[in-house]
N, C-alpha and C. Protein backbone atom coordinates (compact mmCIF):
# COMPACT_ATOMS: atom_id res chain seq x y z
N UNK A 1 108.69 88.55 103.14
CA UNK A 1 109.42 89.63 103.23
C UNK A 1 110.62 89.07 103.49
N UNK A 2 111.06 88.41 104.55
CA UNK A 2 112.27 87.98 104.46
C UNK A 2 113.17 88.05 102.92
N UNK A 3 112.40 87.86 101.34
CA UNK A 3 112.98 88.10 100.13
C UNK A 3 113.17 89.75 100.25
N UNK A 4 112.43 90.45 100.16
CA UNK A 4 112.33 91.59 100.20
C UNK A 4 113.87 92.33 101.03
N UNK A 5 113.71 91.58 102.51
CA UNK A 5 115.22 92.48 103.33
C UNK A 5 116.06 91.64 102.93
N UNK A 6 116.25 90.48 102.34
CA UNK A 6 117.61 89.95 102.20
C UNK A 6 118.26 90.74 100.99
N UNK A 7 117.35 91.27 99.95
CA UNK A 7 117.57 91.87 98.60
C UNK A 7 118.10 93.13 98.82
N UNK A 8 117.38 94.05 100.34
CA UNK A 8 117.62 95.36 100.44
C UNK A 8 119.02 94.84 101.05
N UNK A 9 119.33 94.37 101.66
CA UNK A 9 120.63 94.40 102.52
C UNK A 9 121.89 94.19 101.54
N UNK A 10 121.58 93.20 101.08
CA UNK A 10 123.05 92.37 99.88
C UNK A 10 122.92 94.12 98.93
N UNK A 11 121.98 94.70 98.66
CA UNK A 11 122.26 95.85 97.92
C UNK A 11 122.74 96.86 97.92
N UNK A 12 122.53 97.53 99.28
CA UNK A 12 122.57 98.69 99.83
C UNK A 12 123.55 98.53 101.17
N UNK A 13 125.07 98.97 101.41
CA UNK A 13 125.50 98.59 102.71
C UNK A 13 124.77 99.42 103.91
N UNK A 14 124.56 100.55 103.22
CA UNK A 14 123.86 101.38 104.18
C UNK A 14 122.68 101.20 104.85
N UNK A 15 122.10 100.58 103.46
CA UNK A 15 120.51 100.54 104.46
C UNK A 15 120.35 99.22 105.32
N UNK A 16 121.48 97.82 104.89
CA UNK A 16 121.47 97.18 105.33
C UNK A 16 121.84 97.31 107.00
N UNK A 17 122.85 98.31 107.27
CA UNK A 17 123.08 98.84 108.77
C UNK A 17 121.66 99.04 109.30
N UNK A 18 121.24 100.28 108.76
CA UNK A 18 120.33 100.50 109.39
C UNK A 18 118.86 99.41 109.62
N UNK A 19 118.49 98.34 108.36
CA UNK A 19 117.66 97.30 109.06
C UNK A 19 118.05 96.35 110.09
N UNK A 20 119.67 96.01 110.12
CA UNK A 20 120.05 95.48 111.63
C UNK A 20 119.71 96.26 112.83
N UNK A 21 119.93 97.64 113.02
CA UNK A 21 119.45 98.68 113.79
C UNK A 21 118.25 98.64 113.92
N UNK A 22 117.47 99.18 113.31
CA UNK A 22 115.87 99.52 113.36
C UNK A 22 115.23 98.10 113.60
N UNK A 23 115.63 96.93 113.29
CA UNK A 23 114.75 95.28 113.26
C UNK A 23 113.78 94.89 112.37
N UNK A 24 112.76 94.35 112.80
CA UNK A 24 111.77 93.64 111.95
C UNK A 24 110.77 95.04 111.22
N UNK A 25 110.18 94.15 110.51
CA UNK A 25 109.47 95.69 108.96
C UNK A 25 108.50 95.28 109.91
N UNK A 26 107.99 96.21 110.05
CA UNK A 26 106.17 96.07 110.88
C UNK A 26 105.30 97.64 110.51
N UNK A 27 105.22 97.51 109.42
CA UNK A 27 104.30 98.34 108.89
C UNK A 27 102.83 98.19 108.86
N UNK A 28 101.99 99.17 109.47
CA UNK A 28 100.24 98.97 109.59
C UNK A 28 99.85 99.52 108.26
N UNK A 29 99.07 98.41 107.97
CA UNK A 29 98.16 99.21 106.33
C UNK A 29 97.34 99.33 106.96
N UNK A 30 96.37 100.06 106.37
CA UNK A 30 95.08 100.42 106.16
C UNK A 30 94.36 100.09 104.79
N UNK A 31 92.72 100.05 105.48
CA UNK A 31 92.04 99.66 104.08
C UNK A 31 92.32 100.31 102.61
N UNK A 32 91.62 99.64 101.70
CA UNK A 32 92.13 100.70 100.40
C UNK A 32 90.72 101.41 100.32
N UNK A 33 90.34 102.37 100.85
CA UNK A 33 88.70 102.48 100.57
C UNK A 33 88.81 104.02 101.16
N UNK A 34 87.91 104.63 100.75
CA UNK A 34 87.65 105.75 100.75
C UNK A 34 87.63 106.60 102.22
N UNK A 35 87.63 105.83 103.18
CA UNK A 35 87.70 106.85 104.27
C UNK A 35 89.68 106.69 104.95
N UNK A 36 89.83 105.64 104.60
CA UNK A 36 91.89 105.72 104.05
C UNK A 36 92.27 107.06 103.97
N UNK A 37 91.48 107.15 102.64
CA UNK A 37 91.78 108.94 102.00
C UNK A 37 91.73 110.16 102.75
N UNK A 38 89.95 109.81 103.35
CA UNK A 38 89.83 111.03 103.88
C UNK A 38 90.19 111.09 105.15
N UNK A 39 91.18 110.00 105.72
CA UNK A 39 91.91 110.50 106.80
C UNK A 39 93.20 110.75 106.31
N UNK A 40 93.53 110.70 105.58
CA UNK A 40 95.36 111.12 104.88
C UNK A 40 94.95 112.57 104.55
N UNK A 41 94.00 113.13 104.10
CA UNK A 41 93.85 114.40 103.81
C UNK A 41 93.57 115.71 105.32
N UNK A 42 93.11 114.81 106.44
CA UNK A 42 92.79 115.44 107.56
C UNK A 42 94.37 115.55 108.07
N UNK A 43 94.96 114.40 107.84
CA UNK A 43 96.30 113.99 108.71
C UNK A 43 97.34 114.92 107.88
N UNK A 44 97.14 115.67 106.51
CA UNK A 44 97.84 116.63 106.04
C UNK A 44 98.86 117.31 107.11
N UNK A 45 100.05 118.10 107.03
CA UNK A 45 100.40 119.04 107.52
C UNK A 45 100.48 119.09 109.10
N UNK A 46 99.86 117.98 109.97
CA UNK A 46 100.06 118.05 110.90
C UNK A 46 100.88 116.91 111.78
N UNK A 47 100.78 116.87 112.71
CA UNK A 47 101.61 116.00 113.87
C UNK A 47 100.45 115.38 114.04
N UNK A 48 100.89 113.88 114.27
CA UNK A 48 100.36 112.76 114.40
C UNK A 48 99.51 112.86 115.96
N UNK A 49 99.29 113.77 117.31
CA UNK A 49 98.61 113.67 117.69
C UNK A 49 97.25 114.82 117.50
N UNK A 50 97.62 115.63 116.80
CA UNK A 50 96.73 117.22 116.51
C UNK A 50 96.18 116.19 115.69
N UNK A 51 96.43 115.69 114.33
CA UNK A 51 95.50 114.96 113.52
C UNK A 51 94.68 113.84 114.25
N UNK A 52 95.43 113.04 115.05
CA UNK A 52 94.39 111.78 115.50
C UNK A 52 92.96 113.06 116.29
N UNK A 53 93.41 113.32 117.04
CA UNK A 53 92.74 114.07 117.50
C UNK A 53 91.24 114.86 116.75
N UNK A 54 91.90 115.36 115.46
CA UNK A 54 90.46 116.12 114.90
C UNK A 54 89.78 115.03 114.39
N UNK A 55 90.60 113.99 113.53
CA UNK A 55 90.23 112.72 112.99
C UNK A 55 89.06 112.16 113.44
N UNK A 56 89.57 111.87 114.96
CA UNK A 56 88.41 111.49 115.61
C UNK A 56 87.02 112.19 116.21
N UNK A 57 87.26 113.39 116.18
CA UNK A 57 86.10 114.32 116.27
C UNK A 57 85.43 114.31 114.72
N UNK A 58 86.00 114.85 113.76
CA UNK A 58 85.09 114.63 112.87
C UNK A 58 84.60 113.30 112.22
N UNK A 59 85.22 112.29 112.74
CA UNK A 59 84.81 111.02 112.41
C UNK A 59 83.48 110.68 113.15
N UNK A 60 83.36 111.11 114.69
CA UNK A 60 82.64 111.08 115.55
C UNK A 60 81.47 111.50 114.48
N UNK A 61 81.21 112.75 113.88
CA UNK A 61 80.36 113.70 113.20
C UNK A 61 80.07 113.24 112.26
N UNK A 62 80.78 112.54 111.46
CA UNK A 62 80.44 112.24 110.11
C UNK A 62 79.72 110.90 109.96
N UNK A 63 79.79 110.12 111.17
CA UNK A 63 79.86 108.94 111.22
C UNK A 63 80.94 108.09 111.03
N UNK A 64 81.01 106.49 111.57
CA UNK A 64 82.50 105.88 111.60
C UNK A 64 81.86 104.24 110.37
N UNK A 65 82.30 104.09 109.65
CA UNK A 65 83.21 104.33 108.87
C UNK A 65 83.23 105.63 107.63
N UNK A 66 84.13 106.48 108.16
CA UNK A 66 83.58 108.03 107.14
C UNK A 66 83.07 107.56 106.04
N UNK A 67 82.09 107.79 105.43
CA UNK A 67 81.80 107.54 104.23
C UNK A 67 81.26 108.96 103.06
N UNK A 68 81.11 109.08 102.01
CA UNK A 68 81.02 110.31 101.15
C UNK A 68 79.53 111.07 101.81
N UNK A 69 78.10 109.76 101.98
CA UNK A 69 77.06 110.34 102.70
C UNK A 69 77.69 111.43 103.58
N UNK A 70 78.21 110.72 104.80
CA UNK A 70 77.96 111.45 105.75
C UNK A 70 79.15 112.72 106.12
N UNK A 71 79.67 112.71 105.12
CA UNK A 71 80.73 114.43 105.03
C UNK A 71 79.80 115.13 104.15
N UNK A 72 78.75 114.73 103.41
CA UNK A 72 78.37 115.72 102.37
C UNK A 72 77.20 116.28 103.33
N UNK A 73 76.79 115.43 104.45
CA UNK A 73 75.66 116.38 105.28
C UNK A 73 75.94 117.20 105.86
N UNK A 74 77.30 117.06 106.43
CA UNK A 74 77.97 118.04 107.28
C UNK A 74 77.76 120.01 106.55
N UNK A 75 77.76 120.59 107.69
CA UNK A 75 77.56 122.07 107.01
C UNK A 75 79.35 122.64 107.20
N UNK A 76 79.73 123.68 106.83
CA UNK A 76 81.10 124.29 106.88
C UNK A 76 81.67 124.07 108.52
N UNK A 77 80.14 125.06 109.01
CA UNK A 77 80.12 125.19 110.49
C UNK A 77 80.86 124.40 110.93
N UNK A 78 79.72 122.90 111.00
CA UNK A 78 80.39 121.83 112.02
C UNK A 78 81.61 121.30 111.85
N UNK A 79 81.89 121.16 110.29
CA UNK A 79 83.43 120.83 109.72
C UNK A 79 84.68 121.58 110.39
N UNK A 80 84.07 122.86 110.76
CA UNK A 80 85.57 123.93 111.31
C UNK A 80 85.02 123.57 113.01
N UNK A 81 84.06 123.15 112.95
CA UNK A 81 84.02 122.84 115.05
C UNK A 81 84.95 121.66 115.48
N UNK A 82 85.17 121.01 114.56
CA UNK A 82 86.05 119.92 114.95
C UNK A 82 87.31 120.33 114.75
N UNK A 83 87.37 121.17 113.88
CA UNK A 83 89.10 121.47 114.18
C UNK A 83 89.38 121.69 112.35
N UNK A 84 88.90 121.51 111.39
CA UNK A 84 89.30 121.38 110.11
C UNK A 84 89.21 122.52 109.75
N UNK A 85 90.21 122.97 109.16
CA UNK A 85 90.11 124.55 108.46
C UNK A 85 89.09 124.52 106.74
N UNK A 86 89.33 125.54 106.99
CA UNK A 86 87.89 125.72 105.31
C UNK A 86 88.60 125.13 104.67
N UNK A 87 90.01 125.26 104.20
CA UNK A 87 90.64 124.55 102.81
C UNK A 87 90.45 122.86 103.23
N UNK A 88 90.79 122.27 104.41
CA UNK A 88 90.76 120.96 104.80
C UNK A 88 89.43 120.38 104.55
N UNK A 89 88.25 121.25 104.74
CA UNK A 89 86.68 121.08 104.92
C UNK A 89 86.31 121.06 103.44
N UNK A 90 86.81 121.63 102.74
CA UNK A 90 86.54 121.80 100.84
C UNK A 90 87.13 120.41 100.13
N UNK A 91 88.44 119.94 100.37
CA UNK A 91 88.92 118.89 100.26
C UNK A 91 88.18 117.71 100.20
N UNK A 92 87.34 117.56 101.67
CA UNK A 92 87.06 116.64 101.86
C UNK A 92 85.20 116.66 101.13
N UNK A 93 84.87 117.62 100.92
CA UNK A 93 83.70 117.88 100.49
C UNK A 93 83.65 117.28 98.88
N UNK A 94 85.12 117.88 98.10
CA UNK A 94 85.43 117.27 96.88
C UNK A 94 85.34 116.28 96.71
N UNK A 95 86.26 115.50 97.87
CA UNK A 95 86.24 114.21 97.09
C UNK A 95 85.17 113.35 98.04
N UNK A 96 84.57 113.77 98.69
CA UNK A 96 83.30 113.23 98.66
C UNK A 96 82.43 113.21 97.43
N UNK A 97 82.07 114.07 96.85
CA UNK A 97 81.38 114.25 95.87
C UNK A 97 82.21 113.55 94.85
N UNK A 98 83.21 114.19 94.45
CA UNK A 98 83.42 112.84 93.26
C UNK A 98 83.23 111.62 93.61
N UNK A 99 83.87 110.93 94.61
CA UNK A 99 83.12 109.59 95.42
C UNK A 99 81.58 109.69 94.80
N UNK A 100 81.07 109.80 95.62
CA UNK A 100 79.17 110.02 95.26
C UNK A 100 79.03 109.53 93.57
N UNK A 101 79.58 110.63 92.83
CA UNK A 101 78.98 111.02 91.59
C UNK A 101 79.84 109.49 90.50
N UNK A 102 80.83 108.99 91.69
CA UNK A 102 81.73 108.01 90.78
C UNK A 102 82.42 108.24 89.89
N UNK A 103 82.92 109.50 90.20
CA UNK A 103 84.30 110.17 89.27
C UNK A 103 85.20 109.01 89.70
N UNK A 104 85.45 108.74 91.24
CA UNK A 104 86.29 108.65 91.84
C UNK A 104 85.65 106.65 91.95
N UNK A 105 86.56 106.23 91.65
CA UNK A 105 85.95 104.70 92.37
C UNK A 105 87.19 103.88 92.85
N UNK A 106 87.12 103.78 93.85
CA UNK A 106 88.05 103.11 94.83
C UNK A 106 88.23 101.41 94.34
N UNK A 107 86.89 100.62 94.07
CA UNK A 107 86.65 99.71 93.46
C UNK A 107 88.25 98.85 92.61
N UNK A 108 88.55 100.21 91.55
CA UNK A 108 88.97 99.89 90.44
C UNK A 108 90.53 100.04 90.76
N UNK A 109 90.96 100.88 91.68
CA UNK A 109 92.32 101.43 92.00
C UNK A 109 92.82 100.20 92.15
N UNK A 110 92.81 98.71 92.96
CA UNK A 110 93.76 97.57 93.25
C UNK A 110 94.57 97.36 91.64
N UNK A 111 94.16 97.59 90.90
CA UNK A 111 94.23 97.00 89.01
C UNK A 111 94.64 97.73 88.96
N UNK A 112 94.74 99.16 88.93
CA UNK A 112 95.32 99.85 88.12
C UNK A 112 96.99 99.75 88.05
N UNK A 113 97.74 100.39 87.83
CA UNK A 113 99.23 100.75 87.77
C UNK A 113 99.43 101.77 88.27
N UNK A 114 100.75 102.32 89.49
CA UNK A 114 100.59 103.40 90.26
C UNK A 114 100.46 104.36 89.67
N UNK A 115 101.28 104.93 88.33
CA UNK A 115 100.90 106.43 87.47
C UNK A 115 99.57 106.36 87.47
N UNK A 116 98.20 105.58 87.27
CA UNK A 116 97.04 105.31 87.00
C UNK A 116 96.17 105.84 88.72
N UNK A 117 96.68 105.45 89.13
CA UNK A 117 96.25 105.96 90.61
C UNK A 117 96.23 106.88 91.11
N UNK A 118 97.84 107.37 90.78
CA UNK A 118 97.97 108.94 91.19
C UNK A 118 96.94 110.05 90.02
N UNK A 119 97.16 109.60 89.13
CA UNK A 119 96.07 110.57 88.55
C UNK A 119 94.82 110.24 88.77
N UNK A 120 94.22 109.32 89.57
CA UNK A 120 92.79 109.16 89.39
C UNK A 120 92.53 109.55 90.98
N UNK A 121 93.75 109.65 91.98
CA UNK A 121 93.77 110.03 92.90
C UNK A 121 93.61 112.05 93.05
N UNK A 122 95.02 112.44 92.28
CA UNK A 122 95.21 113.70 92.21
C UNK A 122 94.13 114.32 91.54
N UNK A 123 92.88 113.96 90.96
CA UNK A 123 92.26 114.93 90.63
C UNK A 123 90.76 115.61 91.85
N UNK A 124 91.60 114.85 92.93
CA UNK A 124 90.63 115.33 94.11
C UNK A 124 91.68 116.51 94.14
N UNK A 125 90.29 117.86 94.50
CA UNK A 125 91.08 118.80 94.96
C UNK A 125 91.90 118.57 96.89
N UNK A 126 93.04 119.11 96.58
CA UNK A 126 94.20 118.69 98.51
C UNK A 126 94.63 117.64 98.14
N UNK A 127 94.07 116.32 97.36
CA UNK A 127 95.44 115.47 96.89
C UNK A 127 96.34 115.04 96.14
N UNK A 128 97.65 115.32 96.59
CA UNK A 128 98.94 115.71 95.59
C UNK A 128 99.42 114.12 95.22
N UNK A 129 100.26 114.16 95.12
CA UNK A 129 101.28 113.11 94.51
C UNK A 129 101.67 112.39 96.00
N UNK A 130 102.34 113.68 97.09
CA UNK A 130 102.74 112.80 98.01
C UNK A 130 101.32 112.19 98.85
N UNK A 131 100.25 112.50 98.90
CA UNK A 131 99.25 111.57 99.23
C UNK A 131 99.00 110.79 98.62
N UNK A 132 98.72 110.62 97.28
CA UNK A 132 98.50 109.76 96.44
C UNK A 132 99.63 108.63 96.54
N UNK A 133 100.62 109.04 96.64
CA UNK A 133 102.10 107.81 97.22
C UNK A 133 101.66 107.19 98.86
N UNK A 134 101.38 107.98 99.61
CA UNK A 134 101.29 107.47 100.54
C UNK A 134 99.96 106.29 100.97
N UNK A 135 99.46 106.55 99.75
CA UNK A 135 97.70 105.44 100.01
C UNK A 135 98.31 104.61 98.88
N UNK A 136 99.01 104.68 97.88
CA UNK A 136 99.71 103.43 97.50
C UNK A 136 100.55 102.23 98.50
N UNK A 137 101.21 103.27 99.25
CA UNK A 137 101.98 102.09 100.18
C UNK A 137 101.35 101.67 100.79
N UNK A 138 100.56 102.45 102.14
CA UNK A 138 100.05 102.05 102.63
C UNK A 138 97.90 101.52 102.76
N UNK A 139 97.90 101.62 101.95
CA UNK A 139 96.35 100.96 101.82
C UNK A 139 96.66 100.40 100.71
N UNK A 140 97.20 100.36 99.46
CA UNK A 140 97.24 99.28 98.16
C UNK A 140 97.92 98.17 98.80
N UNK A 141 99.30 98.60 99.56
CA UNK A 141 100.24 97.53 99.55
C UNK A 141 100.94 97.68 98.40
N UNK A 142 101.79 98.71 98.19
CA UNK A 142 102.34 98.72 96.35
C UNK A 142 103.88 98.78 97.29
N UNK A 143 104.81 97.47 97.09
CA UNK A 143 106.08 97.47 97.75
C UNK A 143 106.79 98.08 96.76
N UNK A 144 106.47 98.86 95.87
CA UNK A 144 107.81 99.95 95.11
C UNK A 144 107.67 101.01 95.03
N UNK A 145 106.72 101.80 95.96
CA UNK A 145 107.06 103.47 95.89
C UNK A 145 107.77 104.21 96.56
N UNK A 146 108.67 105.12 95.61
CA UNK A 146 109.11 105.89 95.92
C UNK A 146 108.86 107.51 96.34
N UNK A 147 108.21 108.14 97.81
CA UNK A 147 107.81 109.05 98.05
C UNK A 147 108.54 110.25 97.78
N UNK A 148 109.44 110.78 96.27
CA UNK A 148 109.96 111.36 96.20
C UNK A 148 109.71 112.84 97.09
N UNK A 149 108.34 113.31 97.17
CA UNK A 149 108.16 114.27 97.98
C UNK A 149 107.98 114.22 99.34
N UNK A 150 108.71 113.42 99.82
CA UNK A 150 108.33 113.08 101.28
C UNK A 150 109.17 114.04 102.48
N UNK A 151 109.07 114.56 103.02
CA UNK A 151 110.45 114.71 103.94
C UNK A 151 111.40 113.98 104.74
N UNK A 152 110.36 113.14 105.37
CA UNK A 152 110.96 112.37 106.32
C UNK A 152 112.34 111.53 105.35
N UNK A 153 111.79 111.26 103.79
CA UNK A 153 112.63 109.93 103.33
C UNK A 153 113.92 110.51 102.70
N UNK A 154 113.31 111.97 102.35
CA UNK A 154 114.94 113.09 101.98
C UNK A 154 115.64 113.25 103.28
N UNK A 155 115.06 113.34 104.79
CA UNK A 155 115.78 113.75 105.70
C UNK A 155 116.41 112.00 106.08
N UNK A 156 116.25 111.57 105.78
CA UNK A 156 116.52 110.16 106.21
C UNK A 156 118.34 109.64 104.79
N UNK A 157 117.66 110.13 103.68
CA UNK A 157 118.77 110.17 103.06
C UNK A 157 120.11 111.16 102.99
N UNK A 158 119.31 112.28 103.12
CA UNK A 158 120.47 113.47 103.09
C UNK A 158 121.79 112.78 104.60
N UNK A 159 120.88 112.20 105.69
CA UNK A 159 121.79 111.88 106.80
C UNK A 159 122.83 110.61 106.65
N UNK A 160 122.39 109.65 105.86
CA UNK A 160 122.71 108.45 105.96
C UNK A 160 123.59 108.45 104.74
N UNK A 161 123.36 109.25 103.56
CA UNK A 161 124.24 109.09 102.45
C UNK A 161 125.12 110.42 102.62
N UNK A 162 125.04 111.03 103.82
CA UNK A 162 125.96 111.73 103.96
C UNK A 162 125.83 113.13 102.71
N UNK A 163 125.05 113.39 102.26
CA UNK A 163 124.75 114.79 101.46
C UNK A 163 124.94 115.93 101.88
N UNK A 164 124.84 117.48 101.54
CA UNK A 164 125.10 118.27 102.00
C UNK A 164 123.78 118.72 102.40
N UNK A 165 122.89 118.76 100.97
CA UNK A 165 121.51 118.90 101.03
C UNK A 165 120.43 118.14 100.96
N UNK A 166 119.16 118.67 101.29
CA UNK A 166 118.25 117.25 100.68
C UNK A 166 118.55 117.27 99.90
N UNK A 167 118.17 115.97 99.40
CA UNK A 167 118.29 115.35 98.02
C UNK A 167 117.01 115.79 97.45
N UNK A 168 117.37 116.17 95.89
CA UNK A 168 116.38 116.18 94.96
C UNK A 168 116.23 114.98 94.16
N UNK A 169 114.68 115.14 93.65
CA UNK A 169 113.85 113.53 93.15
C UNK A 169 114.89 112.98 92.73
N UNK A 170 115.99 113.18 91.40
CA UNK A 170 116.60 112.95 90.74
C UNK A 170 117.27 111.91 91.42
N UNK A 171 117.86 112.81 92.27
CA UNK A 171 119.27 111.93 93.54
C UNK A 171 118.44 111.41 94.11
N UNK A 172 117.06 110.97 94.41
CA UNK A 172 116.69 110.08 95.75
C UNK A 172 116.62 108.87 94.57
N UNK A 173 115.72 108.85 93.26
CA UNK A 173 115.76 107.99 92.32
C UNK A 173 117.58 106.93 92.21
N UNK A 174 118.25 107.43 92.08
CA UNK A 174 119.29 106.97 91.83
C UNK A 174 120.06 106.39 92.82
N UNK A 175 119.57 106.57 93.91
CA UNK A 175 119.98 106.07 95.65
C UNK A 175 119.43 104.59 95.43
N UNK A 176 118.06 104.88 95.24
CA UNK A 176 116.86 103.89 95.59
C UNK A 176 116.53 103.18 94.47
N UNK A 177 117.69 103.36 93.05
CA UNK A 177 117.68 102.20 91.91
C UNK A 177 117.68 100.99 92.80
N UNK A 178 118.84 100.63 93.06
CA UNK A 178 119.05 99.35 93.47
C UNK A 178 118.25 98.70 94.54
N UNK A 179 117.42 99.33 95.21
CA UNK A 179 116.41 98.88 96.29
C UNK A 179 115.44 98.42 95.39
N UNK A 180 114.86 98.81 94.10
CA UNK A 180 114.09 97.91 93.32
C UNK A 180 113.77 96.78 93.69
N UNK A 181 112.76 95.50 93.71
CA UNK A 181 111.50 96.30 93.11
C UNK A 181 110.42 96.55 95.02
N UNK A 182 111.45 96.95 95.86
CA UNK A 182 110.98 97.00 97.01
C UNK A 182 111.25 98.79 98.27
N UNK A 183 111.17 99.41 97.38
CA UNK A 183 111.57 100.77 97.55
C UNK A 183 110.81 101.03 99.43
N UNK A 184 109.28 100.58 99.07
CA UNK A 184 108.18 100.96 99.95
C UNK A 184 108.55 100.71 100.93
N UNK A 185 109.60 99.31 101.11
CA UNK A 185 110.14 98.37 102.47
C UNK A 185 111.15 99.66 102.83
N UNK A 186 112.05 99.67 101.92
CA UNK A 186 112.92 101.05 102.13
C UNK A 186 112.88 101.98 102.86
N UNK A 187 112.06 102.66 102.15
CA UNK A 187 111.58 104.55 102.83
C UNK A 187 110.86 103.81 104.28
N UNK A 188 110.33 102.68 104.68
CA UNK A 188 109.58 102.66 105.83
C UNK A 188 110.91 102.69 106.51
N UNK A 189 112.09 101.44 106.71
CA UNK A 189 113.26 101.77 106.95
C UNK A 189 113.54 102.95 107.01
N UNK A 190 113.58 103.88 106.27
CA UNK A 190 113.92 105.25 106.42
C UNK A 190 113.47 106.11 107.19
N UNK A 191 112.16 106.24 107.20
CA UNK A 191 111.79 106.46 108.47
C UNK A 191 112.13 106.18 110.22
N UNK A 192 111.82 104.42 109.95
CA UNK A 192 112.32 104.46 111.38
C UNK A 192 113.72 104.99 111.62
N UNK A 193 114.53 104.93 111.09
CA UNK A 193 115.84 105.20 111.05
C UNK A 193 116.13 106.52 111.80
N UNK A 194 115.18 107.49 111.53
CA UNK A 194 114.84 109.02 112.24
C UNK A 194 113.93 109.06 113.56
N UNK A 195 113.62 107.57 113.91
CA UNK A 195 112.78 107.64 114.83
C UNK A 195 114.00 106.95 116.38
N UNK A 196 114.96 106.41 115.74
CA UNK A 196 115.83 106.16 116.43
C UNK A 196 117.38 106.80 116.26
N UNK A 197 117.50 106.84 117.71
CA UNK A 197 119.05 107.16 118.53
C UNK A 197 120.32 106.48 117.51
N UNK A 198 120.74 107.23 116.58
CA UNK A 198 121.82 106.93 116.14
C UNK A 198 123.11 107.83 116.93
N UNK A 199 124.24 106.84 117.08
CA UNK A 199 125.78 107.77 117.41
C UNK A 199 126.30 108.77 116.00
């Protein structure tokens, strides 16, 4: 990690300032398995506290750890009773069905290049590129992911790099070019920079 931080501090003075202000890198990883992706679907477009409450109720109902079989035995009514929308329930059922049938194979993911992981995961209804990027970063621990669709990263780049508007993916790629091969680490600092009061 020291190598990553030294590289990022050297290659980008804006990032160096953020790293010094935020402090140590403390990313929390999840396991690269079915339950992590199910959790990511529940968390989509919800704030942390509400998402956690719904996920806990859902996991209590489906069984922990959440498995495809646990989800497939639930009725739509049961899923709605814990606060899941009709749409999210259908996404979770699709994820469970594709995993149970072997179409989605979590054991293969660690060995696949990022593009193929994204392709593999986005065959599930409701799993878009953003969710696949989060899985790459937080479950597969890939160090060089740039989630161009992430609002937090866009906001941080706009603020710290003095952009008038939220940057487009190609502008984000340009700024992040220097961060390679540690773009995930840089993005974690971008998210954290928004939590910290700055002058």
